[in-house]
Amino acid sequence: MPEDITREIPQSPSQPLDLGSAEASPLRRQSFEASHAP
């Protein structure tokens, strides 16, 4: 389910695993960039 994936984004936005997943998931990349936005 896609909802499960989105739920994992806020769980660990500054995790190294998220960086790798962000490349595969565009939705994760957006959340990651927003979390690291100035």
Protein backbone atom coordinates (compact mmCIF):
# COMPACT_ATOMS: atom_id res chain seq x y z
CA MET A 1 0.00 0.00 0.00
CA PRO A 2 1.25 3.51 -0.89
CA GLU A 3 -0.05 4.90 2.38
CA ASP A 4 2.42 2.74 4.27
CA ILE A 5 5.31 4.24 2.31
CA THR A 6 4.24 7.83 2.95
CA ARG A 7 3.93 7.00 6.63
CA GLU A 8 7.57 5.95 6.70
CA ILE A 9 8.73 9.31 5.32
CA PRO A 10 8.01 11.45 8.42
CA GLN A 11 9.23 8.61 10.63
CA SER A 12 12.87 9.11 9.60
CA PRO A 13 13.37 12.11 7.29
CA SER A 14 17.03 12.57 8.24
CA GLN A 15 17.93 8.88 7.97
CA PRO A 16 20.50 7.57 5.47
CA LEU A 17 18.05 4.90 4.33
CA ASP A 18 15.58 7.62 3.35
CA LEU A 19 18.14 9.13 1.00
CA GLY A 20 18.38 5.89 -0.96
CA SER A 21 14.62 5.41 -0.98
CA ALA A 22 14.09 9.02 -2.03
CA GLU A 23 15.79 8.25 -5.34
CA ALA A 24 13.32 5.43 -6.02
CA SER A 25 10.27 7.23 -4.67
CA PRO A 26 9.54 10.76 -5.98
CA LEU A 27 7.11 11.30 -3.14
CA ARG A 28 9.83 10.59 -0.60
CA ARG A 29 12.18 12.99 -2.37
CA GLN A 30 9.65 15.81 -2.06
CA SER A 31 9.22 15.16 1.66
CA PHE A 32 12.98 14.94 2.15
CA GLU A 33 13.61 18.19 0.29
CA ALA A 34 10.83 19.93 2.19
CA SER A 35 12.30 18.73 5.49
CA HIS A 36 15.73 20.04 4.50
CA ALA A 37 14.39 23.25 2.99
CA PRO A 38 15.94 26.54 4.16
